[in-house]
Amino acid sequence: MKWSAWSVVFTGLSLTSVMAVVLFFLVSVNPKDASYGSTPLIYAAGSAVAAVAFNRASAWAARRARDVEA
């Protein structure tokens, strides 16, 4: 795959991870079951880390695509 395609893939994964952060945070605010405890917040934190990592990977792939085309 070309680097610009990888950039798009990583951007999509980053946005999906951001949506997961929101989802898990909302579950922690209004849980269906009290036994969830702090698990949704742990998942939200993990998703936030993944979102940042995918965002950085997307920026790196975009730079590679720009350097290859030049």
N, C-alpha and C. Protein backbone atom coordinates (compact mmCIF):
# COMPACT_ATOMS: atom_id res chain seq x y z
N MET A 1 0.85 -1.18 0.00
CA MET A 1 0.00 0.00 0.00
C MET A 1 0.89 1.24 0.00
N LYS A 2 0.36 2.29 -0.58
CA LYS A 2 1.09 3.55 -0.57
C LYS A 2 0.96 4.22 0.78
N TRP A 3 1.89 5.11 1.07
CA TRP A 3 1.91 5.77 2.37
C TRP A 3 0.68 6.64 2.59
N SER A 4 0.16 7.23 1.53
CA SER A 4 -1.05 8.04 1.71
C SER A 4 -2.24 7.17 2.11
N ALA A 5 -2.29 5.95 1.62
CA ALA A 5 -3.36 5.04 2.02
C ALA A 5 -3.20 4.64 3.49
N TRP A 6 -1.96 4.40 3.93
CA TRP A 6 -1.73 4.09 5.34
C TRP A 6 -2.14 5.25 6.22
N SER A 7 -1.90 6.47 5.75
CA SER A 7 -2.31 7.64 6.52
C SER A 7 -3.82 7.67 6.72
N VAL A 8 -4.56 7.34 5.68
CA VAL A 8 -6.02 7.31 5.78
C VAL A 8 -6.47 6.20 6.72
N VAL A 9 -5.83 5.05 6.65
CA VAL A 9 -6.17 3.92 7.53
C VAL A 9 -5.93 4.31 8.99
N PHE A 10 -4.78 4.90 9.28
CA PHE A 10 -4.47 5.30 10.66
C PHE A 10 -5.40 6.41 11.15
N THR A 11 -5.80 7.31 10.26
CA THR A 11 -6.75 8.35 10.64
C THR A 11 -8.09 7.73 11.02
N GLY A 12 -8.55 6.77 10.25
CA GLY A 12 -9.80 6.08 10.56
C GLY A 12 -9.74 5.34 11.88
N LEU A 13 -8.62 4.68 12.15
CA LEU A 13 -8.46 3.99 13.42
C LEU A 13 -8.41 4.97 14.58
N SER A 14 -7.79 6.13 14.36
CA SER A 14 -7.76 7.15 15.40
C SER A 14 -9.16 7.66 15.71
N LEU A 15 -9.93 7.94 14.68
CA LEU A 15 -11.30 8.42 14.90
C LEU A 15 -12.17 7.36 15.58
N THR A 16 -11.98 6.11 15.21
CA THR A 16 -12.71 5.02 15.86
C THR A 16 -12.34 4.93 17.34
N SER A 17 -11.07 5.12 17.64
CA SER A 17 -10.63 5.09 19.03
C SER A 17 -11.21 6.26 19.82
N VAL A 18 -11.33 7.42 19.20
CA VAL A 18 -11.94 8.57 19.87
C VAL A 18 -13.41 8.27 20.18
N MET A 19 -14.10 7.64 19.24
CA MET A 19 -15.50 7.27 19.48
C MET A 19 -15.59 6.24 20.61
N ALA A 20 -14.62 5.34 20.71
CA ALA A 20 -14.61 4.36 21.80
C ALA A 20 -14.40 5.06 23.15
N VAL A 21 -13.56 6.09 23.18
CA VAL A 21 -13.36 6.85 24.42
C VAL A 21 -14.69 7.43 24.89
N VAL A 22 -15.41 8.06 23.97
CA VAL A 22 -16.70 8.66 24.31
C VAL A 22 -17.68 7.59 24.78
N LEU A 23 -17.74 6.48 24.07
CA LEU A 23 -18.64 5.39 24.43
C LEU A 23 -18.35 4.87 25.83
N PHE A 24 -17.10 4.55 26.12
CA PHE A 24 -16.76 4.01 27.43
C PHE A 24 -16.96 5.03 28.54
N PHE A 25 -16.70 6.31 28.24
CA PHE A 25 -16.95 7.34 29.25
C PHE A 25 -18.44 7.43 29.56
N LEU A 26 -19.29 7.39 28.53
CA LEU A 26 -20.73 7.45 28.75
C LEU A 26 -21.22 6.22 29.51
N VAL A 27 -20.64 5.06 29.25
CA VAL A 27 -21.01 3.86 30.00
C VAL A 27 -20.62 4.02 31.47
N SER A 28 -19.48 4.66 31.72
CA SER A 28 -19.08 4.85 33.11
C SER A 28 -19.97 5.86 33.83
N VAL A 29 -20.54 6.81 33.08
CA VAL A 29 -21.44 7.79 33.69
C VAL A 29 -22.79 7.15 34.02
N ASN A 30 -23.27 6.30 33.12
CA ASN A 30 -24.59 5.69 33.30
C ASN A 30 -24.50 4.18 33.03
N PRO A 31 -23.94 3.41 33.96
CA PRO A 31 -23.78 1.98 33.72
C PRO A 31 -25.10 1.21 33.83
N LYS A 32 -25.21 0.12 33.09
CA LYS A 32 -26.38 -0.74 33.20
C LYS A 32 -26.33 -1.56 34.48
N ASP A 33 -25.12 -1.88 34.90
CA ASP A 33 -24.93 -2.75 36.07
C ASP A 33 -23.88 -2.13 36.98
N ALA A 34 -24.12 -2.14 38.26
CA ALA A 34 -23.18 -1.54 39.22
C ALA A 34 -21.87 -2.30 39.31
N SER A 35 -21.85 -3.53 38.83
CA SER A 35 -20.63 -4.34 38.93
C SER A 35 -19.55 -3.91 37.92
N TYR A 36 -19.85 -2.97 37.02
CA TYR A 36 -18.86 -2.50 36.06
C TYR A 36 -17.67 -1.86 36.77
N GLY A 37 -17.94 -1.16 37.86
CA GLY A 37 -16.87 -0.52 38.61
C GLY A 37 -16.15 0.52 37.77
N SER A 38 -14.83 0.46 37.80
CA SER A 38 -14.03 1.43 37.05
C SER A 38 -13.55 0.88 35.72
N THR A 39 -14.03 -0.29 35.32
CA THR A 39 -13.60 -0.91 34.07
C THR A 39 -13.84 -0.02 32.85
N PRO A 40 -15.00 0.63 32.70
CA PRO A 40 -15.16 1.50 31.52
C PRO A 40 -14.14 2.64 31.47
N LEU A 41 -13.75 3.17 32.62
CA LEU A 41 -12.74 4.24 32.62
C LEU A 41 -11.37 3.72 32.22
N ILE A 42 -11.07 2.49 32.60
CA ILE A 42 -9.81 1.88 32.17
C ILE A 42 -9.82 1.66 30.67
N TYR A 43 -10.95 1.18 30.13
CA TYR A 43 -11.07 1.01 28.69
C TYR A 43 -11.00 2.35 27.96
N ALA A 44 -11.60 3.39 28.54
CA ALA A 44 -11.55 4.71 27.93
C ALA A 44 -10.12 5.22 27.88
N ALA A 45 -9.37 4.99 28.95
CA ALA A 45 -7.98 5.43 28.97
C ALA A 45 -7.15 4.67 27.93
N GLY A 46 -7.39 3.38 27.81
CA GLY A 46 -6.68 2.59 26.80
C GLY A 46 -7.03 3.03 25.39
N SER A 47 -8.29 3.35 25.18
CA SER A 47 -8.71 3.84 23.86
C SER A 47 -8.11 5.20 23.56
N ALA A 48 -7.96 6.04 24.59
CA ALA A 48 -7.34 7.35 24.39
C ALA A 48 -5.88 7.21 24.00
N VAL A 49 -5.19 6.28 24.63
CA VAL A 49 -3.79 6.01 24.27
C VAL A 49 -3.71 5.52 22.82
N ALA A 50 -4.63 4.63 22.44
CA ALA A 50 -4.64 4.13 21.06
C ALA A 50 -4.95 5.26 20.08
N ALA A 51 -5.86 6.16 20.44
CA ALA A 51 -6.20 7.27 19.56
C ALA A 51 -4.99 8.16 19.30
N VAL A 52 -4.24 8.45 20.35
CA VAL A 52 -3.04 9.29 20.19
C VAL A 52 -2.00 8.55 19.36
N ALA A 53 -1.82 7.26 19.61
CA ALA A 53 -0.83 6.49 18.85
C ALA A 53 -1.20 6.43 17.37
N PHE A 54 -2.46 6.17 17.06
CA PHE A 54 -2.88 6.12 15.66
C PHE A 54 -2.79 7.50 15.00
N ASN A 55 -3.05 8.56 15.77
CA ASN A 55 -2.93 9.91 15.23
C ASN A 55 -1.48 10.20 14.86
N ARG A 56 -0.56 9.82 15.74
CA ARG A 56 0.87 10.04 15.45
C ARG A 56 1.31 9.18 14.27
N ALA A 57 0.81 7.95 14.17
CA ALA A 57 1.14 7.08 13.04
C ALA A 57 0.60 7.66 11.74
N SER A 58 -0.56 8.26 11.79
CA SER A 58 -1.14 8.89 10.61
C SER A 58 -0.29 10.07 10.15
N ALA A 59 0.15 10.89 11.10
CA ALA A 59 1.01 12.03 10.75
C ALA A 59 2.33 11.55 10.18
N TRP A 60 2.89 10.49 10.75
CA TRP A 60 4.14 9.94 10.24
C TRP A 60 3.97 9.42 8.81
N ALA A 61 2.89 8.70 8.56
CA ALA A 61 2.64 8.16 7.22
C ALA A 61 2.41 9.29 6.22
N ALA A 62 1.73 10.36 6.66
CA ALA A 62 1.51 11.50 5.76
C ALA A 62 2.82 12.17 5.40
N ARG A 63 3.74 12.28 6.38
CA ARG A 63 5.06 12.85 6.07
C ARG A 63 5.82 11.96 5.12
N ARG A 64 5.74 10.64 5.31
CA ARG A 64 6.41 9.71 4.40
C ARG A 64 5.85 9.83 3.00
N ALA A 65 4.52 9.96 2.90
CA ALA A 65 3.89 10.10 1.58
C ALA A 65 4.35 11.38 0.90
N ARG A 66 4.44 12.46 1.67
CA ARG A 66 4.87 13.73 1.10
C ARG A 66 6.33 13.65 0.66
N ASP A 67 7.19 12.99 1.43
CA ASP A 67 8.61 12.88 1.09
C ASP A 67 8.84 11.98 -0.12
N VAL A 68 8.04 10.94 -0.25
CA VAL A 68 8.19 10.02 -1.39
C VAL A 68 7.76 10.70 -2.68
N GLU A 69 6.71 11.50 -2.61
CA GLU A 69 6.20 12.18 -3.82
C GLU A 69 7.15 13.29 -4.27
N ALA A 70 7.87 13.89 -3.36
CA ALA A 70 8.76 15.03 -3.72
C ALA A 70 9.99 14.58 -4.46
